[in-house]
């Protein structure tokens, strides 16, 4: 059977694109190398709890059109992302706000907190910050940096902060209010029945083949459709002809516990370098799930190596220059289209992924 579009990858980008092209009367086939749909937003119900199998995904946007788009398929709860930071057993509210400052310095008014931060910044100010460490201290001072940024960031990126580019932290949210809501977006929530239902609704009526690796028979898959949307790693598609782009990998260690509540919050970040994981997710708190048990997941960032699952790109200067070479190849393609975080080598939130997919579909 001949298709108009072959979509490689059933994640959010591929599923939105397939849905929109199907609405246009095009015949689409999605192939997915995993045995589940949805890519990294796949959720699976266990113990009456929707488990985010590949890391926590919290939908947030200020775009009315994107919010209305997803709500035509599923309903969202009122979850508000209010993570906690654990530094050597001390708990701090994130993002940095009056609750955080009171815990750090016992400051009780915005003016007291502001003056404390400014005095620290002034003492350690660097006129032209050359790395992430200098940039972060310029923004919030050494106390917040040492306790709540340094260890977490070094684990996340696998490099010392003084070896990371300053642009990774262009700004840091500092709020002089008692507001623990991490996001500033107008809309925020988690689907009542998990993200898998969103993918199921988007791909309803569309042919899908699971456990199917595009590269195992690339010629066959290329011939089955007029055009191919590839949402995997762009450097892998071109057989790493210019060299490997850098990605970060993740390991997930999940555990079912015979207690109803483990940590009292959906996300707790562990900001000291000595603890190898960056955070613990307690899935039931995303939806206030009723269960006598609870499921937690520890998240371990790691250096990506070829053949492993890539989770997000490392958009520093070196990798951006290398990606530009692959992008030049992609721009010359007539049949192949690239999309998603890995295909476009761009870190995007879910609302940005959806918008990019909708724009691409509109342009076809």
Protein backbone atom coordinates (compact mmCIF):
# COMPACT_ATOMS: atom_id res chain seq x y z
CA UNK A 1 0.00 0.00 0.00
CA UNK A 2 1.34 3.43 -0.92
CA UNK A 3 1.15 6.24 1.61
CA UNK A 4 1.37 9.99 1.22
CA UNK A 5 3.43 10.32 4.40
CA UNK A 6 5.58 7.97 6.43
CA UNK A 7 6.09 9.33 9.95
CA UNK A 8 9.11 7.90 11.74
CA UNK A 9 8.36 8.14 15.46
CA UNK A 10 5.03 8.26 17.29
CA UNK A 11 5.92 11.05 19.70
CA UNK A 12 4.03 14.29 20.05
CA UNK A 13 5.45 15.94 16.94
CA UNK A 14 4.84 12.95 14.68
CA UNK A 15 1.37 12.30 16.07
CA UNK A 16 0.18 15.90 15.67
CA UNK A 17 1.58 16.04 12.14
CA UNK A 18 -0.07 12.73 11.21
CA UNK A 19 -3.40 13.90 12.63
CA UNK A 20 -3.32 17.15 10.67
CA UNK A 21 -2.29 15.54 7.39
CA UNK A 22 -5.00 12.91 7.78
CA UNK A 23 -7.51 15.75 8.20
CA UNK A 24 -6.25 17.05 4.87
CA UNK A 25 -7.12 13.71 3.27
CA UNK A 26 -3.58 12.36 3.18
CA UNK A 27 -2.85 8.71 4.00
CA UNK A 28 -0.26 8.35 6.75
CA UNK A 29 1.71 5.49 8.26
CA UNK A 30 3.49 5.85 11.60
CA UNK A 31 6.34 3.50 12.46
CA UNK A 32 7.70 3.34 16.01
CA UNK A 33 10.78 1.46 17.21
CA UNK A 34 9.39 1.00 20.75
CA UNK A 35 6.50 -1.29 21.61
CA UNK A 36 4.45 1.67 22.85
CA UNK A 37 3.13 4.85 21.22
CA UNK A 38 3.77 8.39 22.35
CA UNK A 39 7.54 8.60 22.45
CA UNK A 40 8.78 10.11 25.69
CA UNK A 41 5.35 11.33 26.84
CA UNK A 42 4.03 7.76 27.07
CA UNK A 43 2.17 7.10 30.33
CA UNK A 44 1.18 3.70 31.68
CA UNK A 45 -1.40 2.97 34.39
CA UNK A 46 -0.02 0.94 37.31
CA UNK A 47 -1.69 0.59 40.71
CA UNK A 48 -4.32 3.09 39.48
CA UNK A 49 -1.51 5.62 38.94
CA UNK A 50 -0.53 7.06 35.55
CA UNK A 51 3.24 6.57 35.47
CA UNK A 52 5.31 8.92 33.30
CA UNK A 53 7.63 6.22 31.95
CA UNK A 54 10.22 8.57 30.45
CA UNK A 55 10.29 11.44 32.89
CA UNK A 56 7.78 13.97 34.16
CA UNK A 57 5.87 15.93 31.53
CA UNK A 58 3.84 18.90 32.73
CA UNK A 59 1.89 20.69 30.04
CA UNK A 60 2.06 24.47 30.22
CA UNK A 61 1.49 27.24 27.69
CA UNK A 62 0.33 30.82 27.31
CA UNK A 63 -0.82 30.22 23.75
CA UNK A 64 -4.62 30.15 23.58
CA UNK A 65 -4.60 28.30 20.26
CA UNK A 66 -2.36 25.51 21.54
CA UNK A 67 -4.35 25.15 24.76
CA UNK A 68 -7.61 24.93 22.80
CA UNK A 69 -6.01 22.46 20.39
CA UNK A 70 -5.05 19.89 23.03
CA UNK A 71 -8.31 20.35 24.92
CA UNK A 72 -10.32 19.16 21.94
CA UNK A 73 -8.81 15.71 22.54
CA UNK A 74 -8.44 15.41 26.33
CA UNK A 75 -9.25 17.17 29.57
CA UNK A 76 -6.59 18.50 31.93
CA UNK A 77 -6.57 18.71 35.70
CA UNK A 78 -5.45 21.74 37.70
CA UNK A 79 -1.99 20.45 38.60
CA UNK A 80 0.44 23.24 39.46
CA UNK A 81 4.12 22.46 39.26
CA UNK A 82 5.63 23.40 42.63
CA UNK A 83 8.89 21.47 42.90
CA UNK A 84 10.99 21.22 46.05
CA UNK A 85 14.78 21.24 46.23
CA UNK A 86 16.55 18.95 48.68
CA UNK A 87 20.07 20.11 49.53
CA UNK A 88 21.78 17.94 52.14
CA UNK A 89 18.45 17.21 53.80
CA UNK A 90 17.27 20.83 53.83
CA UNK A 91 14.13 21.54 51.77
CA UNK A 92 13.66 24.70 49.70
CA UNK A 93 10.81 25.93 47.51
CA UNK A 94 11.34 26.39 43.78
CA UNK A 95 11.40 28.62 41.87
CA UNK A 96 13.38 31.02 44.07
CA UNK A 97 10.77 32.99 45.99
CA UNK A 98 10.08 34.47 49.41
CA UNK A 99 9.66 31.00 50.93
CA UNK A 100 13.13 30.09 49.60
CA UNK A 101 14.72 33.30 50.88
CA UNK A 102 13.19 32.93 54.33
CA UNK A 103 14.63 29.40 54.57
CA UNK A 104 18.05 30.63 53.44
CA UNK A 105 18.38 33.90 55.37
CA UNK A 106 15.24 34.34 57.51
CA UNK A 107 14.32 37.42 55.45
CA UNK A 108 10.66 38.32 55.94
CA UNK A 109 10.04 41.16 53.50
CA UNK A 110 10.74 41.51 49.78
CA UNK A 111 13.05 44.44 50.48
CA UNK A 112 15.14 42.40 52.94
CA UNK A 113 15.42 39.54 50.46
CA UNK A 114 16.27 41.89 47.59
CA UNK A 115 19.02 43.62 49.59
CA UNK A 116 20.49 40.26 50.63
CA UNK A 117 20.68 39.01 47.06
CA UNK A 118 22.05 42.31 45.75
CA UNK A 119 24.77 42.43 48.40
CA UNK A 120 25.87 38.90 47.52
CA UNK A 121 25.81 39.66 43.80
CA UNK A 122 27.84 42.83 44.26
CA UNK A 123 30.55 41.09 46.26
CA UNK A 124 31.10 38.39 43.61
CA UNK A 125 30.15 40.29 40.45
CA UNK A 126 31.95 39.46 37.19
CA UNK A 127 31.77 42.13 34.50
CA UNK A 128 31.82 39.72 31.57
CA UNK A 129 30.78 36.23 32.73
CA UNK A 130 32.63 33.58 30.73
CA UNK A 131 30.84 30.48 31.98
CA UNK A 132 27.66 29.29 33.63
CA UNK A 133 29.08 29.58 37.15
CA UNK A 134 29.99 33.24 36.75
CA UNK A 135 26.67 33.96 35.04
CA UNK A 136 24.59 32.29 37.77
CA UNK A 137 26.43 34.08 40.58
CA UNK A 138 25.92 37.37 38.73
CA UNK A 139 22.19 36.66 38.67
CA UNK A 140 21.49 35.32 42.17
CA UNK A 141 24.70 35.37 44.21
CA UNK A 142 26.81 32.51 45.61
CA UNK A 143 24.45 31.11 48.27
CA UNK A 144 21.60 30.23 45.92
CA UNK A 145 24.10 29.10 43.31
CA UNK A 146 25.99 26.73 45.62
CA UNK A 147 22.92 25.19 47.24
CA UNK A 148 20.30 25.10 44.52
CA UNK A 149 22.00 25.38 41.11
CA UNK A 150 25.56 24.06 41.00
CA UNK A 151 25.22 20.36 41.83
CA UNK A 152 21.95 19.88 39.96
CA UNK A 153 23.26 21.58 36.82
CA UNK A 154 26.52 19.64 36.81
CA UNK A 155 24.61 16.37 37.07
CA UNK A 156 22.18 17.43 34.37
CA UNK A 157 24.87 18.38 31.84
CA UNK A 158 27.70 16.09 32.96
CA UNK A 159 30.22 18.93 33.15
CA UNK A 160 31.48 21.36 35.83
CA UNK A 161 29.60 24.66 35.77
CA UNK A 162 32.79 26.58 35.03
CA UNK A 163 33.09 24.55 31.82
CA UNK A 164 29.51 25.18 30.67
CA UNK A 165 28.67 28.19 28.48
CA UNK A 166 27.08 31.14 30.21
CA UNK A 167 24.12 31.32 27.80
CA UNK A 168 22.61 28.12 29.25
CA UNK A 169 21.41 30.31 32.11
CA UNK A 170 20.34 33.55 30.50
CA UNK A 171 18.11 34.36 33.44
CA UNK A 172 16.94 32.76 36.66
CA UNK A 173 13.41 33.27 38.01
CA UNK A 174 13.58 35.29 41.24
CA UNK A 175 10.21 36.14 42.76
CA UNK A 176 9.72 38.45 45.68
CA UNK A 177 6.34 36.86 46.43
CA UNK A 178 5.28 33.70 48.26
CA UNK A 179 4.44 31.93 45.01
CA UNK A 180 5.64 28.34 44.49
CA UNK A 181 4.19 27.94 40.98
CA UNK A 182 7.19 27.09 38.80
CA UNK A 183 5.69 28.26 35.52
CA UNK A 184 4.46 31.72 34.58
CA UNK A 185 2.22 30.40 31.80
CA UNK A 186 -1.49 31.09 31.74
CA UNK A 187 -2.43 27.40 31.33
CA UNK A 188 -1.00 24.37 33.11
CA UNK A 189 -2.07 20.83 33.90
CA UNK A 190 -1.80 17.08 33.42
CA UNK A 191 -4.25 15.00 31.35
CA UNK A 192 -6.74 13.21 33.61
CA UNK A 193 -6.09 9.88 31.88
CA UNK A 194 -2.42 10.37 31.06
CA UNK A 195 -0.68 11.49 27.88
CA UNK A 196 -1.13 8.17 26.13
CA UNK A 197 -4.81 9.01 25.66
CA UNK A 198 -3.79 12.20 23.81
CA UNK A 199 -1.62 10.19 21.40
CA UNK A 200 -4.40 7.63 20.93
CA UNK A 201 -6.87 10.39 20.03
CA UNK A 202 -4.41 12.09 17.68
CA UNK A 203 -3.64 8.85 15.84
CA UNK A 204 -7.14 7.38 15.80
CA UNK A 205 -7.71 5.74 12.41
CA UNK A 206 -4.06 6.11 11.36
CA UNK A 207 -1.97 3.02 10.52
CA UNK A 208 0.76 2.39 13.12
CA UNK A 209 3.47 -0.25 13.21
CA UNK A 210 5.25 -0.75 16.56
CA UNK A 211 8.58 -2.52 17.16
CA UNK A 212 9.68 -1.20 13.78
CA UNK A 213 13.10 0.39 13.31
CA UNK A 214 13.27 2.61 10.24
CA UNK A 215 16.97 1.91 9.72
CA UNK A 216 16.50 -1.86 9.61
CA UNK A 217 15.01 -1.49 6.12
CA UNK A 218 15.31 2.16 5.19
CA UNK A 219 14.93 1.62 1.45
CA UNK A 220 11.65 -0.26 1.92
CA UNK A 221 10.19 2.45 4.14
CA UNK A 222 11.33 5.26 1.88
CA UNK A 223 9.59 3.61 -1.07
CA UNK A 224 6.30 3.09 0.77
CA UNK A 225 5.45 6.80 0.90
CA UNK A 226 5.78 9.95 -1.18
CA UNK A 227 7.30 11.88 1.74
CA UNK A 228 8.97 10.93 5.04
CA UNK A 229 8.80 12.87 8.30
CA UNK A 230 11.80 11.80 10.39
CA UNK A 231 11.65 12.69 14.11
CA UNK A 232 14.80 10.85 15.19
CA UNK A 233 18.34 12.17 15.45
CA UNK A 234 19.27 14.12 12.34
CA UNK A 235 22.94 13.09 12.54
CA UNK A 236 21.93 9.43 12.71
CA UNK A 237 19.84 9.86 9.57
CA UNK A 238 22.93 11.06 7.72
CA UNK A 239 25.04 8.26 9.23
CA UNK A 240 27.02 10.77 11.31
CA UNK A 241 28.83 11.93 8.17
CA UNK A 242 29.98 15.16 9.85
CA UNK A 243 30.42 13.55 13.26
CA UNK A 244 28.15 12.95 16.24
CA UNK A 245 26.03 15.69 17.75
CA UNK A 246 25.97 15.68 21.54
CA UNK A 247 22.88 14.58 23.46
CA UNK A 248 22.08 13.82 27.06
CA UNK A 249 20.81 10.39 28.08
CA UNK A 250 18.66 9.42 31.05
CA UNK A 251 18.23 6.33 33.20
CA UNK A 252 15.03 5.80 35.17
CA UNK A 253 14.87 3.70 38.31
CA UNK A 254 11.26 3.11 39.35
CA UNK A 255 9.96 1.51 42.53
CA UNK A 256 6.51 0.58 43.79
CA UNK A 257 6.16 1.16 47.53
CA UNK A 258 3.58 -0.30 49.90
CA UNK A 259 2.79 3.09 51.40
CA UNK A 260 0.29 5.69 50.16
CA UNK A 261 2.67 8.66 50.15
CA UNK A 262 6.47 8.78 49.89
CA UNK A 263 7.55 12.41 49.59
CA UNK A 264 4.36 14.48 49.58
CA UNK A 265 5.17 16.21 46.30
CA UNK A 266 5.25 15.29 42.61
CA UNK A 267 8.85 16.43 42.07
CA UNK A 268 11.76 16.85 44.47
CA UNK A 269 15.10 17.93 42.99
CA UNK A 270 18.31 16.76 44.66
CA UNK A 271 20.74 19.62 44.21
CA UNK A 272 23.90 18.29 45.86
CA UNK A 273 26.48 16.70 43.60
CA UNK A 274 27.03 13.69 45.87
CA UNK A 275 23.56 12.27 45.14
CA UNK A 276 23.73 10.78 41.62
CA UNK A 277 20.11 11.38 40.58
CA UNK A 278 18.69 14.81 39.81
CA UNK A 279 15.18 14.26 41.08
CA UNK A 280 12.60 11.86 42.43
CA UNK A 281 9.16 11.86 40.82
CA UNK A 282 6.16 10.57 42.77
CA UNK A 283 3.66 9.99 40.00
CA UNK A 284 0.40 9.86 41.98
CA UNK A 285 0.74 13.52 43.00
CA UNK A 286 0.36 14.67 39.40
CA UNK A 287 -3.28 13.59 39.51
CA UNK A 288 -4.03 12.97 43.20
CA UNK A 289 -4.50 9.31 42.28
CA UNK A 290 -6.28 7.13 44.77
CA UNK A 291 -4.11 4.13 45.60
CA UNK A 292 -2.88 2.33 48.69
CA UNK A 293 0.54 2.24 47.05
CA UNK A 294 2.81 4.80 45.47
CA UNK A 295 5.31 4.69 42.59
CA UNK A 296 8.48 6.75 42.57
CA UNK A 297 11.10 7.22 39.86
CA UNK A 298 14.68 8.38 40.34
CA UNK A 299 16.10 10.15 37.31
CA UNK A 300 19.79 9.78 36.46
CA UNK A 301 21.25 11.94 33.68
CA UNK A 302 24.13 10.42 31.78
CA UNK A 303 26.44 10.94 28.85
CA UNK A 304 24.79 9.72 25.66
CA UNK A 305 26.63 7.19 23.54
CA UNK A 306 25.72 5.96 20.07
CA UNK A 307 23.00 3.32 20.11
CA UNK A 308 21.36 4.63 23.29
CA UNK A 309 18.16 6.66 23.60
CA UNK A 310 18.81 10.39 23.23
CA UNK A 311 16.56 12.64 25.33
CA UNK A 312 17.62 16.18 24.63
CA UNK A 313 20.25 18.05 22.61
CA UNK A 314 23.23 19.96 24.01
CA UNK A 315 22.77 23.29 22.26
CA UNK A 316 26.19 24.83 22.88
CA UNK A 317 28.22 26.68 20.23
CA UNK A 318 30.17 23.61 19.11
CA UNK A 319 27.07 21.48 18.56
CA UNK A 320 25.13 24.33 16.97
CA UNK A 321 27.87 24.74 14.37
CA UNK A 322 27.84 21.01 13.67
CA UNK A 323 24.04 20.94 13.44
CA UNK A 324 24.18 23.76 10.87
CA UNK A 325 26.04 21.38 8.53
CA UNK A 326 23.34 18.74 8.88
CA UNK A 327 20.67 21.40 8.46
CA UNK A 328 22.23 22.36 5.14
CA UNK A 329 21.83 18.77 3.98
CA UNK A 330 18.23 18.67 5.24
CA UNK A 331 17.33 21.88 3.41
CA UNK A 332 18.34 20.26 0.12
CA UNK A 333 16.00 17.29 0.65
CA UNK A 334 12.84 16.98 -1.41
CA UNK A 335 11.33 13.85 0.11
CA UNK A 336 12.60 13.90 3.71
CA UNK A 337 11.33 16.31 6.38
CA UNK A 338 12.82 16.60 9.87
CA UNK A 339 10.85 17.43 13.00
CA UNK A 340 10.83 17.22 16.78
CA UNK A 341 13.54 17.79 19.39
CA UNK A 342 15.99 15.37 17.79
CA UNK A 343 15.20 16.00 14.15
CA UNK A 344 15.47 19.76 14.61
CA UNK A 345 18.19 19.51 17.29
CA UNK A 346 16.30 21.94 19.48
CA UNK A 347 15.08 21.75 23.06
CA UNK A 348 11.35 22.46 23.03
CA UNK A 349 8.53 22.28 25.55
CA UNK A 350 5.42 20.36 24.58
CA UNK A 351 3.47 23.42 23.46
CA UNK A 352 6.38 24.44 21.23
CA UNK A 353 6.54 20.94 19.74
CA UNK A 354 2.83 21.09 18.91
CA UNK A 355 3.15 24.54 17.35
CA UNK A 356 6.08 23.45 15.18
CA UNK A 357 4.16 20.36 14.03
CA UNK A 358 1.07 22.40 13.20
CA UNK A 359 3.16 24.93 11.25
CA UNK A 360 4.82 22.13 9.30
CA UNK A 361 1.48 20.49 8.49
CA UNK A 362 0.06 23.81 7.34
CA UNK A 363 3.02 24.33 5.01
CA UNK A 364 2.53 20.96 3.25
